[in-house]
Amino acid sequence: MARKSRNPNFDQTLEILRDHSFDVAPFAGVSGGVLVSKHGAGAVLVPGKDAPVAFWERPGAMFCGEVARLLDRGYQKFLQTSKYELPATVTQLQAIHLFSEELSLLIGAVSLYNESLGTTSDVYEYDRLKGREAPEHAPVQPWLPASGH
């Protein structure tokens, strides 16, 4: 009997995901991309360069066949698609977290401490900081000698 490789390739990884009840379907937006979903959450995977699998679209909730990005505005998390932006519910956040943990375990991704604590967002936009631009030039510092003296 042939032994299974400890480092599965992309197709073997997709078979492992199917064996663990993940829905695996081709993703039309990316060549070679595959939409993987379970628990109402999903992610788009592609063959990686350094690893067998890479994320094209990080895990998020599924809306109308699209993976919604998780957006953090400081006071609340939102789910954002190309057409909609909706407040995230506790059930959706728990589904994304469960999906992310299970997917990372099966594809052999690195498990990070902060991601194990809860759901991490793709984008952080705090309302007090939105719209602020960086200063164009440094403010004058009178305690420093002027140039040319």
C-alpha atoms as a PDB file:
ATOM      1  CA  MET A   1       0.000   0.000   0.000  1.00  0.00           C
ATOM      2  CA  ALA A   2       1.326   3.467  -0.918  1.00  0.00           C
ATOM      3  CA  ARG A   3       2.179   5.743   1.981  1.00  0.00           C
ATOM      4  CA  LYS A   4       0.597   9.167   2.196  1.00  0.00           C
ATOM      5  CA  SER A   5       3.010  12.060   1.979  1.00  0.00           C
ATOM      6  CA  ARG A   6       3.473  14.146   5.117  1.00  0.00           C
ATOM      7  CA  ASN A   7       3.612  17.201   2.866  1.00  0.00           C
ATOM      8  CA  PRO A   8       0.568  16.920   0.595  1.00  0.00           C
ATOM      9  CA  ASN A   9       0.393  18.889  -2.641  1.00  0.00           C
ATOM     10  CA  PHE A  10      -2.514  21.199  -3.561  1.00  0.00           C
ATOM     11  CA  ASP A  11      -4.794  18.465  -4.931  1.00  0.00           C
ATOM     12  CA  GLN A  12      -4.125  16.170  -1.970  1.00  0.00           C
ATOM     13  CA  THR A  13      -4.921  19.037   0.391  1.00  0.00           C
ATOM     14  CA  LEU A  14      -8.263  19.572  -1.364  1.00  0.00           C
ATOM     15  CA  GLU A  15      -9.028  15.858  -0.937  1.00  0.00           C
ATOM     16  CA  ILE A  16      -8.248  16.119   2.782  1.00  0.00           C
ATOM     17  CA  LEU A  17     -10.651  19.068   3.034  1.00  0.00           C
ATOM     18  CA  ARG A  18     -13.379  17.127   1.200  1.00  0.00           C
ATOM     19  CA  ASP A  19     -12.861  14.196   3.588  1.00  0.00           C
ATOM     20  CA  HIS A  20     -13.513  16.578   6.495  1.00  0.00           C
ATOM     21  CA  SER A  21     -16.861  17.795   5.037  1.00  0.00           C
ATOM     22  CA  PHE A  22     -15.612  21.034   3.474  1.00  0.00           C
ATOM     23  CA  ASP A  23     -17.377  22.136   0.302  1.00  0.00           C
ATOM     24  CA  VAL A  24     -14.725  22.546  -2.403  1.00  0.00           C
ATOM     25  CA  ALA A  25     -15.648  24.264  -5.692  1.00  0.00           C
ATOM     26  CA  PRO A  26     -13.702  26.009  -8.464  1.00  0.00           C
ATOM     27  CA  PHE A  27     -13.557  29.799  -8.085  1.00  0.00           C
ATOM     28  CA  ALA A  28     -14.095  31.660 -11.352  1.00  0.00           C
ATOM     29  CA  GLY A  29     -12.395  34.892 -10.261  1.00  0.00           C
ATOM     30  CA  VAL A  30      -8.889  33.381 -10.014  1.00  0.00           C
ATOM     31  CA  SER A  31      -7.142  30.887 -12.273  1.00  0.00           C
ATOM     32  CA  GLY A  32      -6.510  27.743 -10.259  1.00  0.00           C
ATOM     33  CA  GLY A  33      -8.487  29.180  -7.329  1.00  0.00           C
ATOM     34  CA  VAL A  34     -10.775  27.027  -5.232  1.00  0.00           C
ATOM     35  CA  LEU A  35     -13.589  28.217  -2.956  1.00  0.00           C
ATOM     36  CA  VAL A  36     -13.604  26.214   0.275  1.00  0.00           C
ATOM     37  CA  SER A  37     -16.561  26.627   2.635  1.00  0.00           C
ATOM     38  CA  LYS A  38     -18.084  25.161   5.786  1.00  0.00           C
ATOM     39  CA  HIS A  39     -20.161  26.453   8.738  1.00  0.00           C
ATOM     40  CA  GLY A  40     -21.352  29.448   6.644  1.00  0.00           C
ATOM     41  CA  ALA A  41     -17.783  30.702   6.190  1.00  0.00           C
ATOM     42  CA  GLY A  42     -15.382  30.358   3.299  1.00  0.00           C
ATOM     43  CA  ALA A  43     -11.992  31.188   1.810  1.00  0.00           C
ATOM     44  CA  VAL A  44     -10.372  31.093  -1.616  1.00  0.00           C
ATOM     45  CA  LEU A  45      -7.263  28.919  -1.862  1.00  0.00           C
ATOM     46  CA  VAL A  46      -4.663  28.813  -4.635  1.00  0.00           C
ATOM     47  CA  PRO A  47      -1.529  26.717  -5.139  1.00  0.00           C
ATOM     48  CA  GLY A  48       1.303  28.362  -3.211  1.00  0.00           C
ATOM     49  CA  LYS A  49       4.879  29.008  -4.241  1.00  0.00           C
ATOM     50  CA  ASP A  50       6.583  28.157  -0.940  1.00  0.00           C
ATOM     51  CA  ALA A  51       3.773  26.032   0.513  1.00  0.00           C
ATOM     52  CA  PRO A  52       1.270  23.731  -1.198  1.00  0.00           C
ATOM     53  CA  VAL A  53      -1.630  26.078  -0.371  1.00  0.00           C
ATOM     54  CA  ALA A  54      -1.935  29.862  -0.130  1.00  0.00           C
ATOM     55  CA  PHE A  55      -4.881  32.133   0.648  1.00  0.00           C
ATOM     56  CA  TRP A  56      -6.156  34.280  -2.205  1.00  0.00           C
ATOM     57  CA  GLU A  57      -9.045  35.468  -0.030  1.00  0.00           C
ATOM     58  CA  ARG A  58      -8.761  35.084   3.751  1.00  0.00           C
ATOM     59  CA  PRO A  59     -11.584  33.380   5.685  1.00  0.00           C
ATOM     60  CA  GLY A  60     -14.827  35.300   5.993  1.00  0.00           C
ATOM     61  CA  ALA A  61     -18.589  34.793   6.071  1.00  0.00           C
ATOM     62  CA  MET A  62     -20.306  33.671   2.871  1.00  0.00           C
ATOM     63  CA  PHE A  63     -22.874  35.994   1.228  1.00  0.00           C
ATOM     64  CA  CYS A  64     -24.372  35.076  -2.166  1.00  0.00           C
ATOM     65  CA  GLY A  65     -21.366  32.935  -3.116  1.00  0.00           C
ATOM     66  CA  GLU A  66     -18.909  35.663  -2.140  1.00  0.00           C
ATOM     67  CA  VAL A  67     -16.489  35.698   0.792  1.00  0.00           C
ATOM     68  CA  ALA A  68     -17.169  38.778   2.924  1.00  0.00           C
ATOM     69  CA  ARG A  69     -14.167  40.582   4.420  1.00  0.00           C
ATOM     70  CA  LEU A  70     -14.179  41.290   8.125  1.00  0.00           C
ATOM     71  CA  LEU A  71     -13.908  45.021   8.807  1.00  0.00           C
ATOM     72  CA  ASP A  72     -13.199  46.387  12.309  1.00  0.00           C
ATOM     73  CA  ARG A  73     -14.292  49.945  13.053  1.00  0.00           C
ATOM     74  CA  GLY A  74     -13.324  49.947  16.729  1.00  0.00           C
ATOM     75  CA  TYR A  75     -16.857  49.881  18.089  1.00  0.00           C
ATOM     76  CA  GLN A  76     -18.179  47.040  15.937  1.00  0.00           C
ATOM     77  CA  LYS A  77     -17.140  44.512  13.310  1.00  0.00           C
ATOM     78  CA  PHE A  78     -18.745  44.551   9.868  1.00  0.00           C
ATOM     79  CA  LEU A  79     -18.883  42.097   6.969  1.00  0.00           C
ATOM     80  CA  GLN A  80     -18.127  43.758   3.641  1.00  0.00           C
ATOM     81  CA  THR A  81     -18.785  42.355   0.166  1.00  0.00           C
ATOM     82  CA  SER A  82     -18.556  44.057  -3.211  1.00  0.00           C
ATOM     83  CA  LYS A  83     -22.195  45.201  -2.843  1.00  0.00           C
ATOM     84  CA  TYR A  84     -23.060  45.175   0.868  1.00  0.00           C
ATOM     85  CA  GLU A  85     -21.716  46.117   4.268  1.00  0.00           C
ATOM     86  CA  LEU A  86     -23.539  44.525   7.185  1.00  0.00           C
ATOM     87  CA  PRO A  87     -22.914  44.403  10.951  1.00  0.00           C
ATOM     88  CA  ALA A  88     -21.391  41.073  11.957  1.00  0.00           C
ATOM     89  CA  THR A  89     -23.296  38.903  14.416  1.00  0.00           C
ATOM     90  CA  VAL A  90     -21.800  36.743  17.142  1.00  0.00           C
ATOM     91  CA  THR A  91     -22.883  33.607  15.271  1.00  0.00           C
ATOM     92  CA  GLN A  92     -21.082  34.735  12.106  1.00  0.00           C
ATOM     93  CA  LEU A  93     -17.905  35.599  14.018  1.00  0.00           C
ATOM     94  CA  GLN A  94     -17.945  32.223  15.773  1.00  0.00           C
ATOM     95  CA  ALA A  95     -18.459  30.464  12.421  1.00  0.00           C
ATOM     96  CA  ILE A  96     -15.514  32.339  10.871  1.00  0.00           C
ATOM     97  CA  HIS A  97     -13.313  31.506  13.860  1.00  0.00           C
ATOM     98  CA  LEU A  98     -14.261  27.807  13.832  1.00  0.00           C
ATOM     99  CA  PHE A  99     -13.753  27.624  10.061  1.00  0.00           C
ATOM    100  CA  SER A 100     -10.362  29.377  10.244  1.00  0.00           C
ATOM    101  CA  GLU A 101      -9.075  27.109  13.009  1.00  0.00           C
ATOM    102  CA  GLU A 102     -10.193  23.919  11.276  1.00  0.00           C
ATOM    103  CA  LEU A 103      -8.904  25.025   7.858  1.00  0.00           C
ATOM    104  CA  SER A 104      -5.508  26.088   9.220  1.00  0.00           C
ATOM    105  CA  LEU A 105      -5.096  22.777  10.982  1.00  0.00           C
ATOM    106  CA  LEU A 106      -5.905  20.749   7.866  1.00  0.00           C
ATOM    107  CA  ILE A 107      -3.805  22.729   5.362  1.00  0.00           C
ATOM    108  CA  GLY A 108      -0.828  22.861   7.718  1.00  0.00           C
ATOM    109  CA  ALA A 109      -0.793  26.638   8.146  1.00  0.00           C
ATOM    110  CA  VAL A 110       0.995  28.250  11.074  1.00  0.00           C
ATOM    111  CA  SER A 111      -1.278  28.735  14.088  1.00  0.00           C
ATOM    112  CA  LEU A 112      -0.760  32.140  15.690  1.00  0.00           C
ATOM    113  CA  TYR A 113      -1.614  32.934  19.305  1.00  0.00           C
ATOM    114  CA  ASN A 114      -3.678  36.061  18.598  1.00  0.00           C
ATOM    115  CA  GLU A 115      -5.746  34.232  15.970  1.00  0.00           C
ATOM    116  CA  SER A 116      -6.442  31.421  18.431  1.00  0.00           C
ATOM    117  CA  LEU A 117      -7.969  33.877  20.899  1.00  0.00           C
ATOM    118  CA  GLY A 118     -10.702  35.028  18.536  1.00  0.00           C
ATOM    119  CA  THR A 119     -11.564  36.285  15.110  1.00  0.00           C
ATOM    120  CA  THR A 120      -9.093  38.734  13.599  1.00  0.00           C
ATOM    121  CA  SER A 121     -10.179  41.347  11.063  1.00  0.00           C
ATOM    122  CA  ASP A 122      -8.824  41.964   7.586  1.00  0.00           C
ATOM    123  CA  VAL A 123      -9.140  45.770   7.845  1.00  0.00           C
ATOM    124  CA  TYR A 124      -9.063  48.088  10.864  1.00  0.00           C
ATOM    125  CA  GLU A 125     -10.750  51.492  10.340  1.00  0.00           C
ATOM    126  CA  TYR A 126     -11.308  53.394  13.534  1.00  0.00           C
ATOM    127  CA  ASP A 127     -13.788  56.250  13.261  1.00  0.00           C
ATOM    128  CA  ARG A 128     -11.536  58.754  15.076  1.00  0.00           C
ATOM    129  CA  LEU A 129      -8.645  58.038  12.702  1.00  0.00           C
ATOM    130  CA  LYS A 130     -10.499  57.737   9.396  1.00  0.00           C
ATOM    131  CA  GLY A 131      -9.736  60.623   7.081  1.00  0.00           C
ATOM    132  CA  ARG A 132      -6.599  61.784   8.858  1.00  0.00           C
ATOM    133  CA  GLU A 133      -3.716  62.499   6.569  1.00  0.00           C
ATOM    134  CA  ALA A 134      -0.077  62.379   7.511  1.00  0.00           C
ATOM    135  CA  PRO A 135       1.468  65.843   8.054  1.00  0.00           C
ATOM    136  CA  GLU A 136       3.098  67.151   4.896  1.00  0.00           C
ATOM    137  CA  HIS A 137       6.136  68.490   6.720  1.00  0.00           C
ATOM    138  CA  ALA A 138       7.517  68.144  10.206  1.00  0.00           C
ATOM    139  CA  PRO A 139       6.390  70.806  12.691  1.00  0.00           C
ATOM    140  CA  VAL A 140       8.894  73.475  13.674  1.00  0.00           C
ATOM    141  CA  GLN A 141      10.918  72.525  16.734  1.00  0.00           C
ATOM    142  CA  PRO A 142      12.117  75.783  18.353  1.00  0.00           C
ATOM    143  CA  TRP A 143      14.556  74.071  20.712  1.00  0.00           C
ATOM    144  CA  LEU A 144      16.710  72.907  17.782  1.00  0.00           C
ATOM    145  CA  PRO A 145      19.176  75.385  16.213  1.00  0.00           C
ATOM    146  CA  ALA A 146      18.100  76.773  12.854  1.00  0.00           C
ATOM    147  CA  SER A 147      20.001  75.570   9.802  1.00  0.00           C
ATOM    148  CA  GLY A 148      22.850  77.798   8.636  1.00  0.00           C
ATOM    149  CA  HIS A 149      23.901  79.010  12.090  1.00  0.00           C
END
